[in-house]
Amino acid sequence: MTMMLLGLGGSWIAVFGKIAAASYYVIALSSFVVLAAWVVSYRRGSMMRLKWWLGGTTALTLLAWVVVANEARINDFLIMQM
C-alpha cells in the first residue's frame, strides 16, 4: 500500500512477489551466513568487538523467520484492522 501511495505501480509489486516466493531460501541463506559469521568471529578471537553487531543481525534474522512463519496470521490481522 505504501509503495502504491509513493507512485510505485504494479510492476514493482510483481517484482516483490517473485522475491517473496523465494523468501524461505533467502532467509535460510542469511541464517547460514550469520551462523558462519559467529563461527569465524569466535575462531579469530574478535567476539568482543563484534558481539553487538552479530547479536543485532541474529535478532533481525530471527524476526524475519517469525514474520515469514506467521505471514498468514499477520495478513489476517492487518485486514481486520482496515
N, C-alpha and C. Protein backbone atom coordinates (compact mmCIF):
# COMPACT_ATOMS: atom_id res chain seq x y z
N MET A 1 0.82 -1.18 0.00
CA MET A 1 0.00 0.00 0.00
C MET A 1 0.87 1.26 0.00
N THR A 2 1.91 1.24 0.81
CA THR A 2 2.80 2.39 0.88
C THR A 2 3.49 2.61 -0.46
N MET A 3 3.89 1.53 -1.10
CA MET A 3 4.54 1.67 -2.40
C MET A 3 3.59 2.27 -3.42
N MET A 4 2.33 1.89 -3.37
CA MET A 4 1.36 2.45 -4.31
C MET A 4 1.15 3.94 -4.03
N LEU A 5 1.13 4.33 -2.75
CA LEU A 5 0.98 5.74 -2.42
C LEU A 5 2.17 6.56 -2.85
N LEU A 6 3.33 5.94 -2.90
CA LEU A 6 4.54 6.63 -3.35
C LEU A 6 4.67 6.66 -4.87
N GLY A 7 3.73 6.03 -5.57
CA GLY A 7 3.73 6.06 -7.02
C GLY A 7 4.39 4.87 -7.67
N LEU A 8 4.73 3.86 -6.91
CA LEU A 8 5.32 2.66 -7.49
C LEU A 8 4.19 1.71 -7.83
N GLY A 9 3.99 1.47 -9.09
CA GLY A 9 2.82 0.73 -9.55
C GLY A 9 2.97 -0.78 -9.47
N GLY A 10 2.13 -1.45 -10.24
CA GLY A 10 2.02 -2.89 -10.21
C GLY A 10 3.27 -3.63 -10.64
N SER A 11 4.09 -3.01 -11.47
CA SER A 11 5.31 -3.71 -11.90
C SER A 11 6.25 -3.94 -10.74
N TRP A 12 6.34 -3.00 -9.81
CA TRP A 12 7.19 -3.19 -8.63
C TRP A 12 6.61 -4.25 -7.71
N ILE A 13 5.30 -4.28 -7.61
CA ILE A 13 4.66 -5.29 -6.77
C ILE A 13 4.92 -6.68 -7.35
N ALA A 14 4.93 -6.80 -8.66
CA ALA A 14 5.21 -8.08 -9.29
C ALA A 14 6.65 -8.52 -9.00
N VAL A 15 7.58 -7.58 -8.99
CA VAL A 15 8.97 -7.91 -8.67
C VAL A 15 9.07 -8.43 -7.25
N PHE A 16 8.42 -7.76 -6.31
CA PHE A 16 8.48 -8.19 -4.91
C PHE A 16 7.74 -9.50 -4.71
N GLY A 17 6.74 -9.78 -5.53
CA GLY A 17 6.05 -11.06 -5.45
C GLY A 17 6.97 -12.22 -5.78
N LYS A 18 7.84 -12.03 -6.75
CA LYS A 18 8.81 -13.06 -7.11
C LYS A 18 9.82 -13.26 -5.99
N ILE A 19 10.23 -12.18 -5.36
CA ILE A 19 11.16 -12.29 -4.24
C ILE A 19 10.49 -12.96 -3.05
N ALA A 20 9.23 -12.63 -2.82
CA ALA A 20 8.51 -13.24 -1.69
C ALA A 20 8.36 -14.74 -1.87
N ALA A 21 8.28 -15.20 -3.10
CA ALA A 21 8.17 -16.63 -3.36
C ALA A 21 9.45 -17.37 -2.93
N ALA A 22 10.56 -16.69 -2.97
CA ALA A 22 11.84 -17.30 -2.59
C ALA A 22 12.28 -16.91 -1.19
N SER A 23 11.35 -16.41 -0.37
CA SER A 23 11.74 -15.87 0.93
C SER A 23 12.34 -16.93 1.84
N TYR A 24 11.85 -18.16 1.80
CA TYR A 24 12.43 -19.20 2.65
C TYR A 24 13.89 -19.47 2.29
N TYR A 25 14.18 -19.46 1.01
CA TYR A 25 15.56 -19.69 0.58
C TYR A 25 16.47 -18.53 0.98
N VAL A 26 15.97 -17.31 0.82
CA VAL A 26 16.76 -16.13 1.17
C VAL A 26 17.04 -16.09 2.67
N ILE A 27 16.02 -16.37 3.48
CA ILE A 27 16.20 -16.34 4.93
C ILE A 27 17.10 -17.50 5.38
N ALA A 28 16.95 -18.66 4.76
CA ALA A 28 17.83 -19.78 5.11
C ALA A 28 19.28 -19.44 4.78
N LEU A 29 19.50 -18.83 3.63
CA LEU A 29 20.86 -18.43 3.26
C LEU A 29 21.40 -17.39 4.23
N SER A 30 20.59 -16.41 4.60
CA SER A 30 21.06 -15.39 5.53
C SER A 30 21.32 -15.98 6.91
N SER A 31 20.53 -16.97 7.31
CA SER A 31 20.78 -17.64 8.59
C SER A 31 22.12 -18.37 8.57
N PHE A 32 22.42 -19.00 7.46
CA PHE A 32 23.71 -19.68 7.31
C PHE A 32 24.86 -18.68 7.36
N VAL A 33 24.70 -17.54 6.71
CA VAL A 33 25.76 -16.53 6.70
C VAL A 33 25.97 -15.96 8.11
N VAL A 34 24.88 -15.73 8.85
CA VAL A 34 25.01 -15.23 10.22
C VAL A 34 25.70 -16.26 11.10
N LEU A 35 25.33 -17.52 10.95
CA LEU A 35 25.98 -18.59 11.72
C LEU A 35 27.48 -18.66 11.38
N ALA A 36 27.80 -18.55 10.11
CA ALA A 36 29.21 -18.56 9.70
C ALA A 36 29.95 -17.36 10.28
N ALA A 37 29.30 -16.21 10.35
CA ALA A 37 29.94 -15.03 10.94
C ALA A 37 30.22 -15.24 12.42
N TRP A 38 29.31 -15.89 13.14
CA TRP A 38 29.56 -16.21 14.55
C TRP A 38 30.76 -17.13 14.69
N VAL A 39 30.83 -18.16 13.85
CA VAL A 39 31.92 -19.12 13.93
C VAL A 39 33.26 -18.45 13.61
N VAL A 40 33.31 -17.67 12.56
CA VAL A 40 34.55 -17.01 12.17
C VAL A 40 34.97 -16.02 13.25
N SER A 41 34.02 -15.29 13.79
CA SER A 41 34.34 -14.33 14.85
C SER A 41 34.90 -15.02 16.08
N TYR A 42 34.33 -16.15 16.42
CA TYR A 42 34.81 -16.90 17.59
C TYR A 42 36.22 -17.45 17.35
N ARG A 43 36.45 -17.97 16.16
CA ARG A 43 37.77 -18.56 15.85
C ARG A 43 38.87 -17.52 15.78
N ARG A 44 38.54 -16.32 15.30
CA ARG A 44 39.56 -15.27 15.19
C ARG A 44 39.73 -14.49 16.49
N GLY A 45 38.89 -14.76 17.46
CA GLY A 45 39.01 -14.06 18.73
C GLY A 45 38.49 -12.65 18.72
N SER A 46 37.65 -12.31 17.79
CA SER A 46 37.11 -10.96 17.70
C SER A 46 35.66 -10.89 18.18
N MET A 47 35.30 -11.82 19.02
CA MET A 47 33.92 -11.89 19.51
C MET A 47 33.56 -10.64 20.33
N MET A 48 34.47 -10.13 21.14
CA MET A 48 34.17 -8.98 21.98
C MET A 48 33.87 -7.73 21.15
N ARG A 49 34.56 -7.56 20.05
CA ARG A 49 34.33 -6.38 19.21
C ARG A 49 33.05 -6.49 18.41
N LEU A 50 32.71 -7.71 18.00
CA LEU A 50 31.60 -7.89 17.07
C LEU A 50 30.32 -8.41 17.71
N LYS A 51 30.31 -8.63 19.01
CA LYS A 51 29.15 -9.29 19.62
C LYS A 51 27.87 -8.49 19.45
N TRP A 52 27.93 -7.16 19.48
CA TRP A 52 26.70 -6.37 19.31
C TRP A 52 26.21 -6.42 17.87
N TRP A 53 27.12 -6.37 16.92
CA TRP A 53 26.73 -6.47 15.51
C TRP A 53 26.15 -7.85 15.20
N LEU A 54 26.82 -8.87 15.68
CA LEU A 54 26.34 -10.23 15.43
C LEU A 54 25.02 -10.48 16.14
N GLY A 55 24.88 -9.96 17.34
CA GLY A 55 23.61 -10.10 18.05
C GLY A 55 22.47 -9.39 17.32
N GLY A 56 22.76 -8.22 16.78
CA GLY A 56 21.74 -7.49 16.02
C GLY A 56 21.33 -8.21 14.75
N THR A 57 22.31 -8.73 14.03
CA THR A 57 21.97 -9.45 12.80
C THR A 57 21.23 -10.75 13.11
N THR A 58 21.59 -11.39 14.22
CA THR A 58 20.88 -12.61 14.62
C THR A 58 19.44 -12.28 14.98
N ALA A 59 19.23 -11.19 15.71
CA ALA A 59 17.87 -10.78 16.08
C ALA A 59 17.03 -10.45 14.85
N LEU A 60 17.62 -9.75 13.88
CA LEU A 60 16.88 -9.43 12.67
C LEU A 60 16.55 -10.67 11.85
N THR A 61 17.48 -11.62 11.82
CA THR A 61 17.23 -12.86 11.10
C THR A 61 16.12 -13.66 11.78
N LEU A 62 16.13 -13.72 13.10
CA LEU A 62 15.07 -14.41 13.83
C LEU A 62 13.72 -13.71 13.61
N LEU A 63 13.73 -12.39 13.59
CA LEU A 63 12.50 -11.64 13.32
C LEU A 63 11.97 -11.96 11.93
N ALA A 64 12.86 -12.07 10.96
CA ALA A 64 12.44 -12.42 9.60
C ALA A 64 11.80 -13.80 9.57
N TRP A 65 12.37 -14.77 10.32
CA TRP A 65 11.77 -16.10 10.39
C TRP A 65 10.38 -16.05 11.02
N VAL A 66 10.23 -15.25 12.07
CA VAL A 66 8.92 -15.14 12.73
C VAL A 66 7.89 -14.54 11.78
N VAL A 67 8.28 -13.51 11.05
CA VAL A 67 7.34 -12.86 10.12
C VAL A 67 6.95 -13.82 9.01
N VAL A 68 7.90 -14.52 8.43
CA VAL A 68 7.59 -15.45 7.33
C VAL A 68 6.74 -16.62 7.84
N ALA A 69 7.05 -17.11 9.03
CA ALA A 69 6.30 -18.25 9.56
C ALA A 69 4.86 -17.87 9.93
N ASN A 70 4.64 -16.60 10.27
CA ASN A 70 3.31 -16.15 10.69
C ASN A 70 2.68 -15.19 9.69
N GLU A 71 3.08 -15.29 8.45
CA GLU A 71 2.62 -14.35 7.43
C GLU A 71 1.11 -14.35 7.27
N ALA A 72 0.50 -15.51 7.27
CA ALA A 72 -0.95 -15.58 7.09
C ALA A 72 -1.68 -14.92 8.26
N ARG A 73 -1.22 -15.17 9.47
CA ARG A 73 -1.84 -14.54 10.64
C ARG A 73 -1.66 -13.03 10.64
N ILE A 74 -0.49 -12.57 10.23
CA ILE A 74 -0.24 -11.13 10.17
C ILE A 74 -1.14 -10.49 9.13
N ASN A 75 -1.28 -11.14 7.96
CA ASN A 75 -2.17 -10.60 6.92
C ASN A 75 -3.61 -10.55 7.40
N ASP A 76 -4.07 -11.61 8.06
CA ASP A 76 -5.44 -11.61 8.58
C ASP A 76 -5.65 -10.51 9.59
N PHE A 77 -4.68 -10.30 10.47
CA PHE A 77 -4.79 -9.23 11.47
C PHE A 77 -4.84 -7.87 10.81
N LEU A 78 -3.99 -7.64 9.82
CA LEU A 78 -3.98 -6.34 9.15
C LEU A 78 -5.27 -6.10 8.36
N ILE A 79 -5.81 -7.13 7.77
CA ILE A 79 -7.08 -6.98 7.04
C ILE A 79 -8.21 -6.67 8.01
N MET A 80 -8.20 -7.29 9.18
CA MET A 80 -9.23 -6.99 10.18
C MET A 80 -9.14 -5.56 10.68
N GLN A 81 -7.96 -4.96 10.64
CA GLN A 81 -7.78 -3.59 11.12
C GLN A 81 -8.25 -2.56 10.11
N MET A 82 -8.49 -2.95 8.89
CA MET A 82 -8.92 -2.00 7.85
C MET A 82 -10.36 -1.62 8.01
